[in-house]
Amino acid sequence: MLGDLLITFYEVARQGSITTAARQLRLSQPTVTGRIRQLEELYGVELFYRRSGRVDLSDVGVALMPLAEQILQQESNADFLLRNAGNLRVGNLRIGATGPYYILRSVAAFRQRYPAVEVSIEIGNSRQMIEALYEYRIDAAVSSHALDDDRLFRVTLAADPMVLVVHPVHPLARRPLVEVAELATCHLLVREQGSMTREATEAALAAAGAHLPPHTVIGSREAICEAIRHNLGASVMPAGEVPRDPALAVVQFASNAPVIDEYLYCLRSRRDTRLLGALLDCLVAPGAASARCEAPPPAPILN
């Protein structure tokens, strides 16, 4: 019981918001509020200072934070040990991904080899997935961010050039090629801050001497594609992530096309465990026989 209260405390402290913590924990807001109140009343302490729209740690809360983090890590380690201890005839593997496009072949190969192991895939942007990996909420993360962190083991899944995606009646739809600078004439549909796709788009525009034009922020690639089908704007996305659909026209860039690298990450301390070792053995890069394994710089590439 105390473990649940401390984990809830840790997430509220990390997010600085009960609402955001509730969403992250997949609990109702009253449940999270009740757990914090129960923990405070149980020990007669004040863990947070409530201010409009957010909460800040009290001195006691600051002192409790590293202990709660240790409990979270120990609980996760115990869970992973038990899921990894068998012979892969049972268990589950948790993967976080920016999209399923670069990992589904590998998941299919894994499921064929280990049909009894349950696989779950959580979707979010690159930063969210790496954060979930650090917090032991997933076992492996697919991300576009190339991170230099000795705690992480990295596998390159793909290097995918980005393309312009528009409705077939869009003025640029019938062009064989477009320049990056021409994006400034479009109403762009972009992902939220923290998305590597958005960062790559903004960087390409800046290199072409342009700025992000008027745009609409949409929280998933699937929703962006649906918006394009309704001719609400144009978007830039990796070529391998564009669905085959007559309502989506794909136009390549004439030069300086941004490229998105996709990586699979796991914690280096878990890299040689049975569960993650099995996943790494099943990796299949799109359009290639196998993925390229590497460790974040300055460590050399591993074959």
Foldseek 3Di string as FASTA:
>chain_A
DVLVLLLLLLLQAVVQALVVSCVVVVHDSVVSVVSPVCVCVVVVHDQWDDDPGGTHGDPVVVVCNVVSLVSLVVVLVVLVCVQQVDPLQAHEAEEEEQDCLQCVQLVVLLCVVRVRYHYDYHHAAQVVQVVCQVSSVHFKYKYLDQDQDQQKWKWWQDKFFKWKKAFCVDPCLPPQAAALCCQQVWAEEEEDPRHVQRVLSQVSNVVVVHGRHHYHYDHGPVVRLVCRLVRVIMYMDGPSPDDPDNRMGIHHHPDPTGITIMMMMGGPVCCPGPVNVSSQVSADHVPDRHIWTQGRPPGGTDD
